[in-house]
Protein backbone atom coordinates (compact mmCIF):
# COMPACT_ATOMS: atom_id res chain seq x y z
CA UNK A 1 27.32 -22.17 -18.60
CA UNK A 2 24.62 -20.22 -17.42
CA UNK A 3 23.86 -22.54 -14.55
CA UNK A 4 25.40 -21.51 -11.18
CA UNK A 5 24.35 -23.31 -8.34
CA UNK A 6 22.48 -26.91 -8.28
CA UNK A 7 20.26 -28.01 -5.74
CA UNK A 8 19.98 -31.98 -5.12
CA UNK A 9 17.41 -34.00 -2.71
CA UNK A 10 17.68 -36.75 -2.27
CA UNK A 11 14.38 -38.82 -0.23
CA UNK A 12 15.50 -41.94 2.04
CA UNK A 13 13.28 -44.46 3.87
CA UNK A 14 15.72 -44.73 6.86
CA UNK A 15 17.15 -41.91 9.47
CA UNK A 16 19.98 -40.09 8.05
CA UNK A 17 22.67 -40.03 10.05
CA UNK A 18 25.10 -37.52 8.01
CA UNK A 19 24.43 -33.49 8.00
CA UNK A 20 21.15 -32.97 6.13
CA UNK A 21 22.98 -30.14 4.00
CA UNK A 22 26.57 -31.20 1.91
CA UNK A 23 27.98 -28.06 -0.10
CA UNK A 24 30.49 -28.95 -2.99
CA UNK A 25 31.35 -27.37 -6.35
CA UNK A 26 31.53 -29.91 -9.79
CA UNK A 27 33.57 -28.10 -12.47
CA UNK A 28 32.84 -24.57 -10.19
CA UNK A 29 29.07 -25.08 -10.03
CA UNK A 30 27.93 -24.95 -6.87
CA UNK A 31 25.96 -28.00 -5.79
CA UNK A 32 23.81 -28.22 -2.52
CA UNK A 33 22.63 -31.94 -1.33
CA UNK A 34 20.12 -32.02 0.97
CA UNK A 35 18.91 -35.67 2.21
CA UNK A 36 15.03 -36.10 3.33
CA UNK A 37 14.96 -38.69 5.71
CA UNK A 38 11.79 -40.45 8.01
CA UNK A 39 12.17 -37.66 10.44
CA UNK A 40 11.85 -34.76 7.81
CA UNK A 41 8.53 -36.38 5.94
CA UNK A 42 7.03 -36.84 9.69
CA UNK A 43 8.02 -33.22 10.50
CA UNK A 44 6.83 -31.81 7.46
CA UNK A 45 3.26 -34.16 7.68
CA UNK A 46 2.75 -32.64 10.66
CA UNK A 47 3.26 -29.32 11.14
CA UNK A 48 4.58 -28.51 7.60
CA UNK A 49 7.91 -27.31 6.68
CA UNK A 50 8.37 -24.21 8.55
CA UNK A 51 10.12 -26.95 11.34
CA UNK A 52 13.14 -27.36 9.16
CA UNK A 53 14.98 -25.34 11.10
CA UNK A 54 17.53 -23.11 9.82
CA UNK A 55 20.58 -23.23 12.53
CA UNK A 56 23.11 -20.45 12.07
CA UNK A 57 26.16 -20.03 14.16
CA UNK A 58 28.16 -17.29 13.67
CA UNK A 59 32.05 -16.73 13.24
CA UNK A 60 32.19 -13.42 15.32
CA UNK A 61 36.16 -12.72 13.73
CA UNK A 62 33.49 -12.09 10.62
CA UNK A 63 30.09 -11.78 11.43
CA UNK A 64 29.75 -9.59 14.14
CA UNK A 65 26.06 -8.39 14.25
CA UNK A 66 25.09 -6.14 17.47
CA UNK A 67 22.07 -6.29 19.18
CA UNK A 68 19.76 -4.62 21.91
CA UNK A 69 16.70 -6.08 23.17
CA UNK A 70 13.12 -3.94 22.63
CA UNK A 71 12.54 -2.49 26.08
CA UNK A 72 8.79 -3.95 25.89
CA UNK A 73 8.05 -7.26 24.99
CA UNK A 74 4.77 -8.92 24.47
CA UNK A 75 4.36 -11.68 26.55
CA UNK A 76 4.25 -14.47 23.89
CA UNK A 77 7.05 -12.88 21.85
CA UNK A 78 10.35 -11.09 22.48
CA UNK A 79 11.73 -8.37 20.31
CA UNK A 80 15.52 -7.26 19.05
CA UNK A 81 16.68 -4.54 17.14
CA UNK A 82 20.45 -5.70 15.28
CA UNK A 83 22.31 -4.61 12.71
CA UNK A 84 23.51 -7.09 10.21
CA UNK A 85 26.84 -7.25 7.73
CA UNK A 86 25.49 -6.93 4.20
CA UNK A 87 28.35 -10.06 3.59
CA UNK A 88 26.92 -11.78 6.30
CA UNK A 89 23.74 -11.51 4.88
CA UNK A 90 24.80 -12.37 1.80
CA UNK A 91 26.68 -15.53 2.88
CA UNK A 92 23.28 -16.81 4.60
CA UNK A 93 21.19 -16.09 1.77
CA UNK A 94 24.31 -17.64 -0.62
CA UNK A 95 24.19 -20.97 1.59
CA UNK A 96 20.41 -21.30 2.05
CA UNK A 97 18.52 -19.73 -0.67
CA UNK A 98 14.92 -19.22 -0.50
CA UNK A 99 14.80 -21.57 2.70
CA UNK A 100 15.38 -18.53 4.26
CA UNK A 101 11.90 -16.93 3.30
CA UNK A 102 9.77 -19.69 3.45
CA UNK A 103 7.39 -17.86 5.36
CA UNK A 104 7.62 -14.72 3.46
CA UNK A 105 4.81 -13.85 1.46
CA UNK A 106 6.53 -12.11 -1.38
CA UNK A 107 8.90 -13.41 -3.42
CA UNK A 108 11.74 -11.26 -5.40
CA UNK A 109 10.39 -8.95 -7.79
CA UNK A 110 13.74 -9.40 -9.83
CA UNK A 111 15.75 -6.20 -10.34
CA UNK A 112 13.75 -4.65 -12.76
CA UNK A 113 11.29 -3.31 -10.31
CA UNK A 114 11.51 0.11 -9.13
CA UNK A 115 12.49 -0.61 -5.27
CA UNK A 116 15.20 -3.27 -6.32
CA UNK A 117 16.32 -0.87 -8.83
CA UNK A 118 16.75 1.96 -5.63
CA UNK A 119 18.42 -0.91 -3.67
CA UNK A 120 20.83 -1.29 -6.80
CA UNK A 121 21.80 2.13 -7.51
CA UNK A 122 22.38 2.68 -3.47
CA UNK A 123 24.81 -0.38 -3.55
CA UNK A 124 26.50 0.67 -6.09
CA UNK A 125 26.64 4.32 -5.69
CA UNK A 126 26.33 4.89 -1.96
CA UNK A 127 26.62 2.10 -0.30
CA UNK A 128 27.77 3.77 3.37
CA UNK A 129 23.98 5.45 3.32
CA UNK A 130 22.35 2.17 2.61
CA UNK A 131 21.75 1.92 6.63
CA UNK A 132 19.84 4.79 6.25
CA UNK A 133 18.08 4.90 2.79
CA UNK A 134 16.79 1.24 3.54
CA UNK A 135 14.32 -0.53 5.76
CA UNK A 136 15.66 -3.61 6.43
CA UNK A 137 14.83 -6.85 7.33
CA UNK A 138 12.08 -8.92 9.45
CA UNK A 139 13.17 -11.80 10.86
CA UNK A 140 11.94 -14.85 13.53
CA UNK A 141 13.54 -17.11 15.31
CA UNK A 142 12.91 -19.46 18.01
CA UNK A 143 15.83 -18.80 20.02
CA UNK A 144 18.61 -16.46 19.98
CA UNK A 145 21.93 -16.92 22.02
CA UNK A 146 24.21 -13.90 22.55
CA UNK A 147 27.79 -13.34 23.67
CA UNK A 148 29.34 -10.34 25.34
CA UNK A 149 32.74 -8.33 23.68
CA UNK A 150 34.12 -5.34 24.98
CA UNK A 151 30.68 -4.38 26.75
CA UNK A 152 28.74 -4.75 23.30
CA UNK A 153 26.16 -7.78 22.78
CA UNK A 154 26.50 -10.06 19.44
CA UNK A 155 24.41 -12.66 18.26
CA UNK A 156 26.33 -15.84 18.31
CA UNK A 157 23.45 -18.34 17.14
CA UNK A 158 19.83 -18.06 15.96
CA UNK A 159 17.60 -20.86 15.95
CA UNK A 160 14.80 -21.32 13.79
CA UNK A 161 15.90 -18.06 11.73
CA UNK A 162 12.97 -17.13 8.78
CA UNK A 163 13.27 -13.78 7.17
CA UNK A 164 9.61 -12.93 7.08
CA UNK A 165 9.68 -9.17 5.61
CA UNK A 166 12.88 -7.98 3.49
CA UNK A 167 13.21 -10.49 0.79
CA UNK A 168 13.86 -8.22 -1.85
CA UNK A 169 16.58 -6.43 0.04
CA UNK A 170 18.27 -9.81 1.29
CA UNK A 171 18.43 -10.99 -2.86
CA UNK A 172 19.08 -7.55 -4.17
CA UNK A 173 22.30 -7.34 -2.11
CA UNK A 174 23.12 -11.16 -3.32
CA UNK A 175 22.66 -10.91 -6.42
CA UNK A 176 24.57 -6.98 -6.34
CA UNK A 177 27.77 -9.28 -5.62
CA UNK A 178 27.10 -12.12 -7.41
CA UNK A 179 26.62 -10.57 -10.67
CA UNK A 180 27.97 -7.37 -10.38
CA UNK A 181 31.07 -7.73 -8.32
CA UNK A 182 29.68 -4.93 -5.46
CA UNK A 183 32.12 -4.88 -2.22
CA UNK A 184 29.55 -5.24 0.84
CA UNK A 185 32.19 -4.21 3.44
CA UNK A 186 30.53 -0.64 3.68
CA UNK A 187 26.94 -2.10 3.56
CA UNK A 188 24.65 -2.89 6.88
CA UNK A 189 20.98 -4.08 7.05
CA UNK A 190 18.78 -2.76 9.85
CA UNK A 191 16.93 -6.18 11.35
CA UNK A 192 13.96 -6.40 13.68
CA UNK A 193 14.39 -10.11 14.56
CA UNK A 194 10.78 -11.71 16.82
CA UNK A 195 11.59 -14.60 18.75
CA UNK A 196 8.61 -16.58 18.82
CA UNK A 197 7.96 -20.47 20.42
CA UNK A 198 7.58 -23.06 17.88
CA UNK A 199 4.03 -23.62 18.83
CA UNK A 200 3.21 -20.03 17.97
CA UNK A 201 4.46 -19.73 14.52
CA UNK A 202 1.49 -20.26 12.81
CA UNK A 203 -0.34 -17.65 14.54
CA UNK A 204 2.15 -14.29 15.02
CA UNK A 205 4.44 -14.89 11.56
CA UNK A 206 1.68 -14.55 9.11
CA UNK A 207 0.30 -11.27 11.21
CA UNK A 208 4.26 -9.79 11.34
CA UNK A 209 4.84 -10.61 7.25
CA UNK A 210 1.03 -9.26 6.96
CA UNK A 211 1.51 -6.16 8.54
CA UNK A 212 5.00 -5.39 7.34
CA UNK A 213 3.70 -5.81 3.89
CA UNK A 214 0.09 -3.90 4.44
CA UNK A 215 1.58 -0.13 4.73
CA UNK A 216 -0.07 2.90 2.56
CA UNK A 217 1.56 3.28 -0.25
CA UNK A 218 3.60 6.08 -1.21
CA UNK A 219 2.85 7.90 -4.26
CA UNK A 220 5.65 10.57 -5.81
CA UNK A 221 3.47 13.46 -5.60
CA UNK A 222 3.17 13.17 -1.41
CA UNK A 223 6.66 14.29 -1.12
CA UNK A 224 6.18 17.74 -2.68
CA UNK A 225 4.21 20.00 -0.43
CA UNK A 226 1.38 22.05 -2.33
């Protein structure tokens, strides 16, 4: 009864003609079946698992992600600022799980950690302030497609999506709804998305993740003046 999700991996020495991911329920347990065929094995052996793209197409009737492009962009990286609804981030993690964070240098530290306890407290007590209090996530993609509705630019599709910083935020939001039944309608998350070509992923992604996680620690005493 404690099992909530099962991941099943099927290896084949052929080329798999069907979807690589299939979701189903068996006696109320979520079952995710992933096929690993010769094509995937070849990709893994050449450049590693980061080539296993997570491609997400959003339904704008329920997943409206507002987005603006940075005015200044380096030659090889395009930068965007986005607002991701809490329910959208929950569904992404519910489906893809830790695959969303294969390039993330940190793993979820469980809700007992001080940071995650703070995230959970905000989700429960002040959901409308989550955007103001939380640092959000940093993500990468190979390509982003947009659509404009009523003069607002929304993300329609993300190719090669990875969360490289903000794993604690993502997993805490998922846990809050899954385990605590928290309503995420008032939750929105700030997101910085960097569009990087596949050949540059190994160069830039570790740097983005490293610098996002290398800020000086702030002590409680720093909040008080002398």
